[in-house]
Amino acid sequence: MAAASPSWLPELQALLTTVSPEDPFLPDDLLALAAVMTEVRVAAKQPLYDRFTPPRFDYLILSGGVKCVTQHEQGEKILFFAFEGEAIGYPELDTPWDVLPKAEQFETLTPCRLLRIDHDGFRAAGRRRPALLILENLILKDYIVFLQRRLHLQLSTTAAERYQLLLQTEPQLLQRVSQHQLANYLGMTPETLSRVRALRAGT
């Protein structure tokens, strides 16, 4: 008797439809992908990887939020945020950097429901069903988009410019993260962020 489909399969199907609406997954492809995924529930403020162990899986976010951070002498620096429908992980680029300890770390902002994707199982399934590589492209694309956001923020020289860019590209963050986290992400103090917002409100 065939195994029952996981309860989250419709959510996965809806997510993949938004990624590639003109080239939908066949039912067998969808089941093959689901076979290398595991639903995990993670409490808030928990790391998703051991930075000293080469990662063996990626994640799709079903619900909740995740931040990517680095550590430096002044403390934590937030690089980007990810929420429902986005993929997070460390793309495998077949370079010496793949096996080094990771400078950036992923940590849950809120309680999360995630689909954990096993690297080895995914690669094996992709050899049998090339359509699954759409998901690999999603993971790489999301990672590049996150880094592009970070670069544009770094190139914005004033606090007001960085806040304006945030309003244009990531307005959802105003409702999803705290003032302190938002200020950290924008590279300013919470007091500076308050002044920038007050000036905009007064114009």
C-alpha atoms as a PDB file:
ATOM      1  CA  MET A   1       0.000   0.000   0.000  1.00  0.00           C
ATOM      2  CA  ALA A   2       1.337   3.458  -0.944  1.00  0.00           C
ATOM      3  CA  ALA A   3       2.468   5.712   1.876  1.00  0.00           C
ATOM      4  CA  ALA A   4       0.147   8.584   2.752  1.00  0.00           C
ATOM      5  CA  SER A   5       1.128  12.002   1.376  1.00  0.00           C
ATOM      6  CA  PRO A   6       2.478  14.405   4.016  1.00  0.00           C
ATOM      7  CA  SER A   7       0.008  16.971   5.330  1.00  0.00           C
ATOM      8  CA  TRP A   8       2.215  19.838   4.126  1.00  0.00           C
ATOM      9  CA  LEU A   9       2.262  18.689   0.484  1.00  0.00           C
ATOM     10  CA  PRO A  10      -0.363  21.277  -0.663  1.00  0.00           C
ATOM     11  CA  GLU A  11       1.745  24.053   0.885  1.00  0.00           C
ATOM     12  CA  LEU A  12       4.812  22.834  -0.993  1.00  0.00           C
ATOM     13  CA  GLN A  13       2.839  22.620  -4.225  1.00  0.00           C
ATOM     14  CA  ALA A  14       1.535  26.182  -3.798  1.00  0.00           C
ATOM     15  CA  LEU A  15       5.063  27.465  -3.135  1.00  0.00           C
ATOM     16  CA  LEU A  16       6.505  25.763  -6.212  1.00  0.00           C
ATOM     17  CA  THR A  17       3.661  27.118  -8.341  1.00  0.00           C
ATOM     18  CA  THR A  18       4.656  30.663  -7.425  1.00  0.00           C
ATOM     19  CA  VAL A  19       8.289  29.871  -8.321  1.00  0.00           C
ATOM     20  CA  SER A  20       7.549  28.381 -11.736  1.00  0.00           C
ATOM     21  CA  PRO A  21       3.905  28.998 -12.742  1.00  0.00           C
ATOM     22  CA  GLU A  22       4.546  28.302 -16.427  1.00  0.00           C
ATOM     23  CA  ASP A  23       6.244  24.944 -15.751  1.00  0.00           C
ATOM     24  CA  PRO A  24       4.322  23.215 -12.931  1.00  0.00           C
ATOM     25  CA  PHE A  25       5.682  20.143 -11.218  1.00  0.00           C
ATOM     26  CA  LEU A  26       4.197  16.813 -12.257  1.00  0.00           C
ATOM     27  CA  PRO A  27       2.562  14.870  -9.404  1.00  0.00           C
ATOM     28  CA  ASP A  28       5.342  12.249  -9.423  1.00  0.00           C
ATOM     29  CA  ASP A  29       7.999  14.988  -9.311  1.00  0.00           C
ATOM     30  CA  LEU A  30       6.257  16.590  -6.359  1.00  0.00           C
ATOM     31  CA  LEU A  31       6.144  13.275  -4.477  1.00  0.00           C
ATOM     32  CA  ALA A  32       9.811  12.612  -5.263  1.00  0.00           C
ATOM     33  CA  LEU A  33      10.715  16.013  -3.832  1.00  0.00           C
ATOM     34  CA  ALA A  34       8.562  15.493  -0.747  1.00  0.00           C
ATOM     35  CA  ALA A  35      10.375  12.198  -0.132  1.00  0.00           C
ATOM     36  CA  VAL A  36      13.654  14.028   0.584  1.00  0.00           C
ATOM     37  CA  MET A  37      12.013  16.627   2.850  1.00  0.00           C
ATOM     38  CA  THR A  38      11.135  16.551   6.522  1.00  0.00           C
ATOM     39  CA  GLU A  39       8.902  19.001   8.332  1.00  0.00           C
ATOM     40  CA  VAL A  40      10.599  20.432  11.407  1.00  0.00           C
ATOM     41  CA  ARG A  41       9.299  22.858  14.006  1.00  0.00           C
ATOM     42  CA  VAL A  42      11.868  25.103  15.637  1.00  0.00           C
ATOM     43  CA  ALA A  43      11.381  27.449  18.577  1.00  0.00           C
ATOM     44  CA  ALA A  44      12.338  31.117  18.376  1.00  0.00           C
ATOM     45  CA  LYS A  45      15.977  32.205  18.748  1.00  0.00           C
ATOM     46  CA  GLN A  46      17.438  28.833  17.755  1.00  0.00           C
ATOM     47  CA  PRO A  47      20.372  28.257  15.361  1.00  0.00           C
ATOM     48  CA  LEU A  48      19.623  26.149  12.296  1.00  0.00           C
ATOM     49  CA  TYR A  49      23.186  25.006  11.573  1.00  0.00           C
ATOM     50  CA  ASP A  50      26.396  24.103  13.342  1.00  0.00           C
ATOM     51  CA  ARG A  51      28.865  26.536  11.768  1.00  0.00           C
ATOM     52  CA  PHE A  52      31.771  24.068  12.109  1.00  0.00           C
ATOM     53  CA  THR A  53      30.001  21.213  10.316  1.00  0.00           C
ATOM     54  CA  PRO A  54      29.526  21.307   6.531  1.00  0.00           C
ATOM     55  CA  PRO A  55      25.759  21.789   6.003  1.00  0.00           C
ATOM     56  CA  ARG A  56      23.897  18.769   4.686  1.00  0.00           C
ATOM     57  CA  PHE A  57      20.508  20.356   4.179  1.00  0.00           C
ATOM     58  CA  ASP A  58      18.617  23.511   3.183  1.00  0.00           C
ATOM     59  CA  TYR A  59      15.235  24.825   4.320  1.00  0.00           C
ATOM     60  CA  LEU A  60      12.007  26.125   2.877  1.00  0.00           C
ATOM     61  CA  ILE A  61      10.071  28.338   5.289  1.00  0.00           C
ATOM     62  CA  LEU A  62       6.401  27.388   5.659  1.00  0.00           C
ATOM     63  CA  SER A  63       5.751  29.819   8.498  1.00  0.00           C
ATOM     64  CA  GLY A  64       7.778  32.114  10.704  1.00  0.00           C
ATOM     65  CA  GLY A  65      10.909  34.162  10.152  1.00  0.00           C
ATOM     66  CA  VAL A  66      14.679  33.631  10.117  1.00  0.00           C
ATOM     67  CA  LYS A  67      17.609  36.024  10.302  1.00  0.00           C
ATOM     68  CA  CYS A  68      21.100  35.584   8.896  1.00  0.00           C
ATOM     69  CA  VAL A  69      23.813  37.098  11.066  1.00  0.00           C
ATOM     70  CA  THR A  70      27.555  37.414  11.481  1.00  0.00           C
ATOM     71  CA  GLN A  71      29.469  38.083  14.682  1.00  0.00           C
ATOM     72  CA  HIS A  72      32.105  40.791  15.125  1.00  0.00           C
ATOM     73  CA  GLU A  73      33.752  42.678  17.957  1.00  0.00           C
ATOM     74  CA  GLN A  74      30.763  44.973  18.442  1.00  0.00           C
ATOM     75  CA  GLY A  75      28.343  42.051  18.560  1.00  0.00           C
ATOM     76  CA  GLU A  76      25.830  40.602  16.134  1.00  0.00           C
ATOM     77  CA  LYS A  77      25.308  42.062  12.664  1.00  0.00           C
ATOM     78  CA  ILE A  78      22.113  41.141  10.788  1.00  0.00           C
ATOM     79  CA  LEU A  79      22.727  40.484   7.093  1.00  0.00           C
ATOM     80  CA  PHE A  80      19.182  39.701   5.973  1.00  0.00           C
ATOM     81  CA  PHE A  81      15.798  38.270   6.933  1.00  0.00           C
ATOM     82  CA  ALA A  82      13.759  35.484   5.330  1.00  0.00           C
ATOM     83  CA  PHE A  83      10.075  34.643   5.751  1.00  0.00           C
ATOM     84  CA  GLU A  84       7.307  32.381   4.439  1.00  0.00           C
ATOM     85  CA  GLY A  85       7.875  31.024   0.958  1.00  0.00           C
ATOM     86  CA  GLU A  86      11.607  31.753   0.904  1.00  0.00           C
ATOM     87  CA  ALA A  87      14.469  29.268   0.804  1.00  0.00           C
ATOM     88  CA  ILE A  88      17.525  29.500   3.040  1.00  0.00           C
ATOM     89  CA  GLY A  89      20.772  27.580   3.178  1.00  0.00           C
ATOM     90  CA  TYR A  90      24.332  27.540   1.953  1.00  0.00           C
ATOM     91  CA  PRO A  91      24.483  26.983  -1.824  1.00  0.00           C
ATOM     92  CA  GLU A  92      27.003  24.309  -2.789  1.00  0.00           C
ATOM     93  CA  LEU A  93      29.283  25.897  -5.369  1.00  0.00           C
ATOM     94  CA  ASP A  94      31.961  23.185  -5.455  1.00  0.00           C
ATOM     95  CA  THR A  95      34.677  25.528  -4.192  1.00  0.00           C
ATOM     96  CA  PRO A  96      37.090  25.231  -1.235  1.00  0.00           C
ATOM     97  CA  TRP A  97      34.821  27.653   0.661  1.00  0.00           C
ATOM     98  CA  ASP A  98      32.116  25.007   0.913  1.00  0.00           C
ATOM     99  CA  VAL A  99      33.955  23.081   3.657  1.00  0.00           C
ATOM    100  CA  LEU A 100      35.148  26.051   5.735  1.00  0.00           C
ATOM    101  CA  PRO A 101      33.340  27.204   8.903  1.00  0.00           C
ATOM    102  CA  LYS A 102      30.548  29.549   7.938  1.00  0.00           C
ATOM    103  CA  ALA A 103      30.908  33.231   8.769  1.00  0.00           C
ATOM    104  CA  GLU A 104      27.151  33.735   8.506  1.00  0.00           C
ATOM    105  CA  GLN A 105      24.647  31.914  10.680  1.00  0.00           C
ATOM    106  CA  PHE A 106      20.882  31.376  10.433  1.00  0.00           C
ATOM    107  CA  GLU A 107      18.721  31.784  13.530  1.00  0.00           C
ATOM    108  CA  THR A 108      14.946  31.681  13.933  1.00  0.00           C
ATOM    109  CA  LEU A 109      13.249  34.976  14.776  1.00  0.00           C
ATOM    110  CA  THR A 110       9.960  33.331  15.739  1.00  0.00           C
ATOM    111  CA  PRO A 111       8.666  29.774  16.106  1.00  0.00           C
ATOM    112  CA  CYS A 112       9.038  28.299  12.614  1.00  0.00           C
ATOM    113  CA  ARG A 113       7.656  25.482  10.498  1.00  0.00           C
ATOM    114  CA  LEU A 114      10.317  24.477   8.020  1.00  0.00           C
ATOM    115  CA  LEU A 115      10.809  21.879   5.335  1.00  0.00           C
ATOM    116  CA  ARG A 116      14.328  20.500   5.692  1.00  0.00           C
ATOM    117  CA  ILE A 117      15.810  19.297   2.389  1.00  0.00           C
ATOM    118  CA  ASP A 118      18.472  16.600   2.561  1.00  0.00           C
ATOM    119  CA  HIS A 119      21.329  17.441   0.161  1.00  0.00           C
ATOM    120  CA  ASP A 120      22.291  13.877  -0.746  1.00  0.00           C
ATOM    121  CA  GLY A 121      18.709  12.731  -1.191  1.00  0.00           C
ATOM    122  CA  PHE A 122      17.891  15.792  -3.268  1.00  0.00           C
ATOM    123  CA  ARG A 123      20.847  15.291  -5.602  1.00  0.00           C
ATOM    124  CA  ALA A 124      19.954  11.624  -6.091  1.00  0.00           C
ATOM    125  CA  ALA A 125      16.327  12.511  -6.813  1.00  0.00           C
ATOM    126  CA  GLY A 126      17.428  15.275  -9.203  1.00  0.00           C
ATOM    127  CA  ARG A 127      19.418  12.809 -11.285  1.00  0.00           C
ATOM    128  CA  ARG A 128      16.250  10.791 -11.784  1.00  0.00           C
ATOM    129  CA  ARG A 129      13.947  13.783 -12.170  1.00  0.00           C
ATOM    130  CA  PRO A 130      15.693  16.891 -13.575  1.00  0.00           C
ATOM    131  CA  ALA A 131      12.588  19.023 -12.934  1.00  0.00           C
ATOM    132  CA  LEU A 132      13.543  19.048  -9.264  1.00  0.00           C
ATOM    133  CA  LEU A 133      16.486  21.300 -10.091  1.00  0.00           C
ATOM    134  CA  ILE A 134      13.984  24.180 -10.157  1.00  0.00           C
ATOM    135  CA  LEU A 135      14.132  24.090  -6.369  1.00  0.00           C
ATOM    136  CA  GLU A 136      17.932  24.231  -6.389  1.00  0.00           C
ATOM    137  CA  ASN A 137      17.680  27.328  -8.561  1.00  0.00           C
ATOM    138  CA  LEU A 138      15.205  28.830  -6.067  1.00  0.00           C
ATOM    139  CA  ILE A 139      17.637  28.343  -3.183  1.00  0.00           C
ATOM    140  CA  LEU A 140      20.493  29.909  -5.135  1.00  0.00           C
ATOM    141  CA  LYS A 141      18.293  32.750  -6.436  1.00  0.00           C
ATOM    142  CA  ASP A 142      16.986  33.623  -2.957  1.00  0.00           C
ATOM    143  CA  TYR A 143      20.530  33.624  -1.558  1.00  0.00           C
ATOM    144  CA  ILE A 144      21.704  35.987  -4.315  1.00  0.00           C
ATOM    145  CA  VAL A 145      18.695  38.275  -3.775  1.00  0.00           C
ATOM    146  CA  PHE A 146      19.454  38.430  -0.045  1.00  0.00           C
ATOM    147  CA  LEU A 147      23.071  39.404  -0.794  1.00  0.00           C
ATOM    148  CA  GLN A 148      21.970  42.010  -3.349  1.00  0.00           C
ATOM    149  CA  ARG A 149      19.759  43.646  -0.726  1.00  0.00           C
ATOM    150  CA  ARG A 150      22.700  43.735   1.652  1.00  0.00           C
ATOM    151  CA  LEU A 151      25.009  45.256  -0.973  1.00  0.00           C
ATOM    152  CA  HIS A 152      22.538  47.997  -1.893  1.00  0.00           C
ATOM    153  CA  LEU A 153      22.118  48.907   1.772  1.00  0.00           C
ATOM    154  CA  GLN A 154      25.889  49.087   2.200  1.00  0.00           C
ATOM    155  CA  LEU A 155      26.197  51.384  -0.821  1.00  0.00           C
ATOM    156  CA  SER A 156      23.540  53.743   0.535  1.00  0.00           C
ATOM    157  CA  THR A 157      25.685  56.250   2.379  1.00  0.00           C
ATOM    158  CA  THR A 158      23.215  57.951   4.709  1.00  0.00           C
ATOM    159  CA  ALA A 159      20.778  56.599   7.273  1.00  0.00           C
ATOM    160  CA  ALA A 160      17.893  58.299   5.451  1.00  0.00           C
ATOM    161  CA  GLU A 161      18.878  56.645   2.151  1.00  0.00           C
ATOM    162  CA  ARG A 162      19.056  53.218   3.741  1.00  0.00           C
ATOM    163  CA  TYR A 163      15.649  53.648   5.340  1.00  0.00           C
ATOM    164  CA  GLN A 164      14.160  54.858   2.040  1.00  0.00           C
ATOM    165  CA  LEU A 165      15.581  51.801   0.257  1.00  0.00           C
ATOM    166  CA  LEU A 166      14.037  49.568   2.893  1.00  0.00           C
ATOM    167  CA  LEU A 167      10.623  51.183   2.340  1.00  0.00           C
ATOM    168  CA  GLN A 168      10.953  50.569  -1.398  1.00  0.00           C
ATOM    169  CA  THR A 169      12.196  46.977  -1.318  1.00  0.00           C
ATOM    170  CA  GLU A 170      11.282  45.378   2.031  1.00  0.00           C
ATOM    171  CA  PRO A 171       8.401  47.302   3.630  1.00  0.00           C
ATOM    172  CA  GLN A 172       7.126  44.117   5.295  1.00  0.00           C
ATOM    173  CA  LEU A 173      10.037  44.306   7.747  1.00  0.00           C
ATOM    174  CA  LEU A 174       8.358  47.221   9.512  1.00  0.00           C
ATOM    175  CA  GLN A 175       5.714  44.785  10.781  1.00  0.00           C
ATOM    176  CA  ARG A 176       7.859  41.669  11.096  1.00  0.00           C
ATOM    177  CA  VAL A 177      10.930  42.665  13.141  1.00  0.00           C
ATOM    178  CA  SER A 178      11.651  44.817  16.176  1.00  0.00           C
ATOM    179  CA  GLN A 179      12.955  48.386  16.020  1.00  0.00           C
ATOM    180  CA  HIS A 180      16.286  47.196  17.438  1.00  0.00           C
ATOM    181  CA  GLN A 181      16.631  44.464  14.781  1.00  0.00           C
ATOM    182  CA  LEU A 182      15.643  46.875  12.028  1.00  0.00           C
ATOM    183  CA  ALA A 183      18.250  49.394  13.151  1.00  0.00           C
ATOM    184  CA  ASN A 184      20.908  46.672  13.294  1.00  0.00           C
ATOM    185  CA  TYR A 185      20.023  45.567   9.765  1.00  0.00           C
ATOM    186  CA  LEU A 186      20.216  49.152   8.478  1.00  0.00           C
ATOM    187  CA  GLY A 187      23.555  49.793  10.180  1.00  0.00           C
ATOM    188  CA  MET A 188      22.397  52.494  12.579  1.00  0.00           C
ATOM    189  CA  THR A 189      21.440  52.865  16.225  1.00  0.00           C
ATOM    190  CA  PRO A 190      17.793  52.584  17.321  1.00  0.00           C
ATOM    191  CA  GLU A 191      17.941  56.285  18.246  1.00  0.00           C
ATOM    192  CA  THR A 192      19.064  57.228  14.734  1.00  0.00           C
ATOM    193  CA  LEU A 193      16.309  55.103  13.229  1.00  0.00           C
ATOM    194  CA  SER A 194      13.751  56.857  15.429  1.00  0.00           C
ATOM    195  CA  ARG A 195      15.022  60.257  14.236  1.00  0.00           C
ATOM    196  CA  VAL A 196      14.896  59.213  10.577  1.00  0.00           C
ATOM    197  CA  ARG A 197      11.333  57.955  10.946  1.00  0.00           C
ATOM    198  CA  ALA A 198      10.292  61.104  12.797  1.00  0.00           C
ATOM    199  CA  LEU A 199      11.754  63.312  10.067  1.00  0.00           C
ATOM    200  CA  ARG A 200       9.896  61.370   7.384  1.00  0.00           C
ATOM    201  CA  ALA A 201       6.654  61.592   9.353  1.00  0.00           C
ATOM    202  CA  GLY A 202       7.096  65.368   9.604  1.00  0.00           C
ATOM    203  CA  THR A 203       7.627  65.945   5.902  1.00  0.00           C
END
